[in-house]
Amino acid sequence: MALRSIYRGLRRNNVLPPLYNSCSYLSSHSTSFGFKEVKEEEKSRLVGNVFTNVASSYDLMNDLMSGGLHRLWKERLVSKLNPFPGMKHLDVAGGTGDVAFRILDSINSVGKRAMRDIQDDNTLDETQIFVCDINPNMLNVGKKRAKERGLGGDKSLIWVEGDAEALKFEDESMDGYTIAFGIRNVTHIEKALSEAYRVLKPGGRFLCLELSHVELPIFKELYDYYSFSVIPAVGQLVAGDRESYQYLVESIRRFPSQDKFASIIVDVGFQKVEYENLVGGVVAIHSGLKF
């Protein structure tokens, strides 16, 4: 509650820090790619190359880097979404299907069957989960995984190649929007958030799961050592690609802090913005509602 009231005050009085004013990102001609500064038009290509390189080993590396905890973090994300039969949901940067499969499982769970009994028989059939990713290689991994799970022909799953900053969906067409470990890779954070706001229906929920910032000094030192010394080495050993994982680590450090990111979410129009730190801030789940 305190966090939300503080940010509403900042927005009302137009005193958000200049670095995070919406114009600052859009007017800049350079942006960060890890610790490097690159031209804006180059970042999409460079990030695309990273995810093309890591697509085939993406899930294995997530397990190794997080000790399998990424599965619990995604479960927590979906539990906050509270999926329901008949919903239209957009999962952005979700090419491998990890979040989408969990949403579909939740809708199809035993706990939802009682609801279906009192709803129109067609409600479940109307469920649409759009998996949007800018990288076709990541989408191919997701489609392959869907087939392995027996979901290859499921009409509720719709795979879309698209850009988070220029979504191909109509205004106010989605009940929910999720993005997991993807928003730090976009060129303009505000553009992606504005697009999320645009496509959500009034009452729609925005949820973002992202690697974030650890504040406890002792834990931070250990985390930094693990991030910069261990993760790139494991990337080289498992995926044969040290540079891509070096970028992923660096991109986390360049991403705004939890409070600053929350202020950006408020600035594009979302209300009741809050966040939850997991594992001491290693990851955070930010949420907001469109009214």
Protein backbone atom coordinates (compact mmCIF):
# COMPACT_ATOMS: atom_id res chain seq x y z
CA MET A 1 0.00 0.00 0.00
CA ALA A 2 2.81 2.44 0.90
CA LEU A 3 4.66 1.70 -2.32
CA ARG A 4 1.55 2.35 -4.40
CA SER A 5 0.68 5.65 -2.69
CA ILE A 6 4.24 6.94 -3.06
CA TYR A 7 4.26 6.34 -6.81
CA ARG A 8 0.86 7.84 -7.34
CA GLY A 9 2.17 10.95 -5.61
CA LEU A 10 5.22 11.10 -7.85
CA ARG A 11 3.10 10.78 -10.95
CA ARG A 12 0.55 13.32 -9.80
CA ASN A 13 3.21 15.94 -9.11
CA ASN A 14 5.26 15.04 -12.20
CA VAL A 15 8.49 14.64 -10.23
CA LEU A 16 9.65 11.26 -11.47
CA PRO A 17 13.44 11.14 -11.76
CA PRO A 18 14.55 12.48 -15.19
CA LEU A 19 16.36 9.22 -16.05
CA TYR A 20 13.04 7.41 -16.01
CA ASN A 21 10.88 10.06 -17.64
CA SER A 22 9.15 8.38 -20.59
CA CYS A 23 10.74 10.75 -23.08
CA SER A 24 14.29 9.95 -21.99
CA TYR A 25 14.20 6.41 -23.36
CA LEU A 26 12.45 7.34 -26.56
CA SER A 27 14.65 10.27 -27.51
CA SER A 28 17.96 8.53 -26.88
CA HIS A 29 19.94 7.33 -29.89
CA SER A 30 21.92 4.78 -27.91
CA THR A 31 20.98 2.09 -25.44
CA SER A 32 22.61 -0.59 -23.35
CA PHE A 33 23.50 -4.06 -24.49
CA GLY A 34 24.85 -5.51 -21.29
CA PHE A 35 27.58 -3.10 -20.19
CA LYS A 36 28.10 -1.85 -23.75
CA GLU A 37 26.45 1.18 -25.33
CA VAL A 38 25.07 0.44 -28.79
CA LYS A 39 22.85 2.19 -31.29
CA GLU A 40 19.15 1.58 -30.69
CA GLU A 41 18.66 -0.06 -34.06
CA GLU A 42 21.44 -2.55 -33.28
CA LYS A 43 20.07 -3.81 -29.96
CA SER A 44 17.21 -5.88 -31.39
CA ARG A 45 19.61 -7.64 -33.73
CA LEU A 46 22.15 -8.30 -30.99
CA VAL A 47 19.53 -9.59 -28.55
CA GLY A 48 18.06 -11.68 -31.36
CA ASN A 49 21.46 -13.27 -31.92
CA VAL A 50 21.74 -14.09 -28.20
CA PHE A 51 18.43 -15.93 -28.11
CA THR A 52 19.03 -17.67 -31.42
CA ASN A 53 22.27 -19.00 -29.91
CA VAL A 54 20.71 -20.12 -26.61
CA ALA A 55 17.28 -21.34 -27.81
CA SER A 56 18.11 -25.06 -27.91
CA SER A 57 19.65 -25.05 -24.43
CA TYR A 58 17.46 -22.34 -22.87
CA ASP A 59 15.43 -24.55 -20.51
CA LEU A 60 18.42 -26.62 -19.40
CA MET A 61 20.44 -23.49 -18.67
CA ASN A 62 17.54 -21.99 -16.69
CA ASP A 63 17.51 -25.11 -14.54
CA LEU A 64 21.27 -25.00 -14.03
CA MET A 65 21.50 -21.26 -13.37
CA SER A 66 18.61 -21.16 -10.88
CA GLY A 67 18.91 -24.64 -9.41
CA GLY A 68 15.42 -25.28 -10.78
CA LEU A 69 13.95 -22.36 -8.83
CA HIS A 70 12.74 -20.67 -12.03
CA ARG A 71 9.94 -23.25 -12.09
CA LEU A 72 8.70 -22.10 -8.67
CA TRP A 73 9.03 -18.45 -9.66
CA LYS A 74 6.85 -19.03 -12.73
CA GLU A 75 4.31 -20.93 -10.63
CA ARG A 76 4.14 -17.92 -8.33
CA LEU A 77 3.66 -15.62 -11.33
CA VAL A 78 0.74 -17.70 -12.61
CA SER A 79 -0.84 -17.93 -9.16
CA LYS A 80 -0.93 -14.12 -9.04
CA LEU A 81 -2.61 -14.07 -12.46
CA ASN A 82 -5.44 -16.32 -11.24
CA PRO A 83 -6.31 -17.68 -14.74
CA PHE A 84 -9.92 -18.53 -15.57
CA PRO A 85 -11.72 -20.47 -18.33
CA GLY A 86 -12.54 -18.38 -21.36
CA MET A 87 -9.85 -15.77 -20.72
CA LYS A 88 -7.79 -14.17 -23.47
CA HIS A 89 -4.22 -13.89 -22.28
CA LEU A 90 -1.00 -12.61 -23.81
CA ASP A 91 2.37 -13.99 -22.72
CA VAL A 92 5.17 -11.89 -24.23
CA ALA A 93 8.76 -13.11 -24.66
CA GLY A 94 7.39 -16.54 -23.81
CA GLY A 95 8.59 -18.48 -26.82
CA THR A 96 9.46 -21.73 -25.04
CA GLY A 97 5.93 -21.91 -23.63
CA ASP A 98 6.94 -22.33 -19.99
CA VAL A 99 4.50 -19.72 -18.65
CA ALA A 100 1.75 -20.46 -21.19
CA PHE A 101 1.72 -24.16 -20.34
CA ARG A 102 1.36 -23.32 -16.66
CA ILE A 103 -1.54 -20.97 -17.36
CA LEU A 104 -3.29 -23.62 -19.44
CA ASP A 105 -2.66 -26.25 -16.74
CA SER A 106 -4.15 -23.92 -14.16
CA ILE A 107 -7.27 -23.36 -16.26
CA ASN A 108 -7.63 -27.08 -16.86
CA SER A 109 -6.94 -28.00 -13.23
CA VAL A 110 -9.27 -30.01 -11.06
CA GLY A 111 -9.97 -26.88 -9.06
CA LYS A 112 -11.60 -25.22 -12.07
CA ARG A 113 -13.93 -28.11 -12.94
CA ALA A 114 -16.60 -27.05 -10.48
CA MET A 115 -16.70 -23.65 -12.13
CA ARG A 116 -17.06 -25.19 -15.58
CA ASP A 117 -20.09 -27.17 -14.44
CA ILE A 118 -22.03 -23.97 -13.89
CA GLN A 119 -20.72 -22.12 -16.93
CA ASP A 120 -21.60 -22.25 -20.57
CA ASP A 121 -20.14 -25.40 -22.14
CA ASN A 122 -18.33 -23.23 -24.67
CA THR A 123 -16.43 -21.17 -22.09
CA LEU A 124 -13.39 -23.44 -21.93
CA ASP A 125 -13.25 -23.67 -25.71
CA GLU A 126 -13.08 -19.86 -25.88
CA THR A 127 -9.84 -19.75 -23.87
CA GLN A 128 -7.01 -18.21 -25.90
CA ILE A 129 -3.42 -17.99 -24.72
CA PHE A 130 -1.24 -16.07 -27.15
CA VAL A 131 2.48 -16.82 -26.90
CA CYS A 132 4.32 -13.89 -28.46
CA ASP A 133 8.06 -13.84 -29.07
CA ILE A 134 10.25 -11.84 -31.43
CA ASN A 135 12.56 -14.80 -31.99
CA PRO A 136 11.26 -17.62 -34.26
CA ASN A 137 13.82 -20.07 -32.85
CA MET A 138 12.39 -19.66 -29.35
CA LEU A 139 8.87 -20.15 -30.74
CA ASN A 140 9.97 -23.33 -32.49
CA VAL A 141 11.26 -24.68 -29.17
CA GLY A 142 7.88 -23.89 -27.61
CA LYS A 143 5.91 -25.55 -30.39
CA LYS A 144 8.09 -28.65 -30.10
CA ARG A 145 7.53 -28.76 -26.36
CA ALA A 146 3.77 -28.36 -26.88
CA LYS A 147 3.75 -31.42 -29.12
CA GLU A 148 5.74 -33.38 -26.55
CA ARG A 149 3.12 -32.46 -23.94
CA GLY A 150 0.28 -33.53 -26.21
CA LEU A 151 -0.76 -29.93 -26.82
CA GLY A 152 0.31 -29.67 -30.45
CA GLY A 153 -3.28 -29.46 -31.65
CA ASP A 154 -4.64 -27.42 -28.73
CA LYS A 155 -6.51 -24.46 -30.21
CA SER A 156 -6.17 -22.52 -26.96
CA LEU A 157 -2.43 -22.04 -27.60
CA ILE A 158 -1.67 -19.53 -30.35
CA TRP A 159 1.95 -18.86 -31.31
CA VAL A 160 2.75 -15.39 -32.64
CA GLU A 161 6.03 -13.92 -33.84
CA GLY A 162 5.96 -10.32 -32.69
CA ASP A 163 7.69 -7.38 -31.05
CA ALA A 164 6.85 -6.38 -27.45
CA GLU A 165 7.19 -2.74 -28.50
CA ALA A 166 4.70 -3.03 -31.40
CA LEU A 167 2.15 -5.73 -30.60
CA LYS A 168 -0.15 -7.04 -33.31
CA PHE A 169 -3.23 -7.10 -31.08
CA GLU A 170 -6.25 -4.82 -30.86
CA ASP A 171 -6.80 -2.29 -28.10
CA GLU A 172 -8.41 -3.68 -24.93
CA SER A 173 -8.45 -7.25 -26.25
CA MET A 174 -6.67 -9.15 -23.42
CA ASP A 175 -7.70 -10.13 -19.90
CA GLY A 176 -4.11 -10.63 -18.78
CA TYR A 177 -0.52 -9.93 -19.82
CA THR A 178 2.62 -11.66 -18.56
CA ILE A 179 6.27 -11.27 -19.43
CA ALA A 180 8.92 -13.42 -17.75
CA PHE A 181 12.64 -12.67 -18.07
CA GLY A 182 12.01 -10.62 -21.18
CA ILE A 183 11.46 -6.95 -20.48
CA ARG A 184 15.11 -6.17 -19.73
CA ASN A 185 15.91 -7.21 -23.31
CA VAL A 186 13.67 -4.65 -25.04
CA THR A 187 15.13 -1.43 -26.40
CA HIS A 188 12.49 0.88 -24.89
CA ILE A 189 10.96 -0.30 -21.63
CA GLU A 190 8.20 2.33 -21.75
CA LYS A 191 7.15 1.31 -25.25
CA ALA A 192 6.73 -2.30 -24.16
CA LEU A 193 4.80 -1.28 -21.04
CA SER A 194 2.60 1.12 -23.03
CA GLU A 195 1.77 -1.68 -25.44
CA ALA A 196 0.88 -3.93 -22.51
CA TYR A 197 -1.44 -1.23 -21.20
CA ARG A 198 -3.00 -0.69 -24.63
CA VAL A 199 -3.95 -4.31 -25.27
CA LEU A 200 -5.33 -5.00 -21.79
CA LYS A 201 -9.04 -4.66 -21.13
CA PRO A 202 -10.16 -2.43 -18.24
CA GLY A 203 -9.64 -4.59 -15.17
CA GLY A 204 -6.86 -6.52 -16.90
CA ARG A 205 -3.75 -7.50 -14.95
CA PHE A 206 -0.12 -6.90 -15.90
CA LEU A 207 2.52 -9.20 -14.39
CA CYS A 208 6.27 -9.13 -14.95
CA LEU A 209 8.75 -11.67 -13.59
CA GLU A 210 12.30 -10.43 -13.94
CA LEU A 211 15.76 -10.96 -12.50
CA SER A 212 16.38 -8.00 -10.26
CA HIS A 213 18.64 -6.48 -7.60
CA VAL A 214 19.84 -8.04 -4.36
CA GLU A 215 20.21 -5.54 -1.52
CA LEU A 216 21.64 -7.56 1.39
CA PRO A 217 25.41 -6.81 1.14
CA ILE A 218 26.75 -10.28 2.00
CA PHE A 219 24.27 -12.02 -0.27
CA LYS A 220 24.96 -9.48 -3.01
CA GLU A 221 28.69 -10.26 -2.98
CA LEU A 222 28.02 -13.99 -3.32
CA TYR A 223 25.42 -13.37 -6.02
CA ASP A 224 27.78 -11.15 -8.00
CA TYR A 225 30.53 -13.76 -7.84
CA TYR A 226 28.12 -16.49 -8.96
CA SER A 227 26.71 -14.31 -11.75
CA PHE A 228 29.96 -13.12 -13.29
CA SER A 229 32.22 -16.10 -12.61
CA VAL A 230 29.99 -19.17 -12.66
CA ILE A 231 27.10 -18.49 -15.07
CA PRO A 232 29.23 -17.55 -18.14
CA ALA A 233 31.47 -20.55 -17.48
CA VAL A 234 28.47 -22.89 -17.30
CA GLY A 235 27.16 -21.30 -20.50
CA GLN A 236 30.44 -22.13 -22.21
CA LEU A 237 30.44 -25.68 -20.87
CA VAL A 238 26.80 -26.56 -21.59
CA ALA A 239 25.85 -24.34 -24.53
CA GLY A 240 29.29 -23.57 -25.96
CA ASP A 241 28.45 -19.88 -25.63
CA ARG A 242 30.06 -17.75 -22.94
CA GLU A 243 29.30 -14.36 -24.51
CA SER A 244 25.52 -14.78 -24.58
CA TYR A 245 25.42 -15.60 -20.89
CA GLN A 246 27.83 -12.79 -20.09
CA TYR A 247 25.31 -10.47 -21.74
CA LEU A 248 22.42 -11.95 -19.76
CA VAL A 249 24.27 -11.32 -16.49
CA GLU A 250 25.25 -7.79 -17.47
CA SER A 251 21.70 -6.96 -18.63
CA ILE A 252 20.40 -7.72 -15.13
CA ARG A 253 22.77 -5.16 -13.61
CA ARG A 254 21.68 -2.51 -16.11
CA PHE A 255 17.99 -3.08 -15.44
CA PRO A 256 16.26 -0.52 -13.15
CA SER A 257 15.89 -1.29 -9.45
CA GLN A 258 12.60 -2.66 -8.17
CA ASP A 259 11.36 0.77 -7.04
CA LYS A 260 12.43 2.54 -10.22
CA PHE A 261 10.81 -0.10 -12.43
CA ALA A 262 7.60 0.22 -10.39
CA SER A 263 7.62 3.97 -11.02
CA ILE A 264 7.91 3.40 -14.77
CA ILE A 265 4.92 1.03 -14.67
CA VAL A 266 2.88 3.68 -12.86
CA ASP A 267 3.96 6.34 -15.34
CA VAL A 268 2.41 4.50 -18.31
CA GLY A 269 -0.96 4.36 -16.55
CA PHE A 270 -1.15 1.22 -14.41
CA GLN A 271 -2.68 1.43 -10.94
CA LYS A 272 -2.24 -0.62 -7.76
CA VAL A 273 1.37 -1.23 -8.78
CA GLU A 274 3.37 -3.37 -6.38
CA TYR A 275 6.14 -5.91 -6.40
CA GLU A 276 7.23 -9.00 -4.54
CA ASN A 277 10.89 -9.90 -4.08
CA LEU A 278 11.79 -13.58 -4.24
CA VAL A 279 15.06 -15.05 -2.93
CA GLY A 280 16.11 -11.71 -1.47
CA GLY A 281 15.60 -9.78 -4.70
CA VAL A 282 17.28 -12.17 -7.10
CA VAL A 283 13.96 -11.99 -8.91
CA ALA A 284 10.93 -9.74 -8.49
CA ILE A 285 7.34 -9.97 -9.66
CA HIS A 286 5.81 -6.58 -10.50
CA SER A 287 2.08 -6.28 -10.98
CA GLY A 288 -0.42 -3.61 -11.96
CA LEU A 289 -4.03 -3.20 -12.99
CA LYS A 290 -5.62 -1.23 -15.82
CA PHE A 291 -8.75 0.64 -14.80
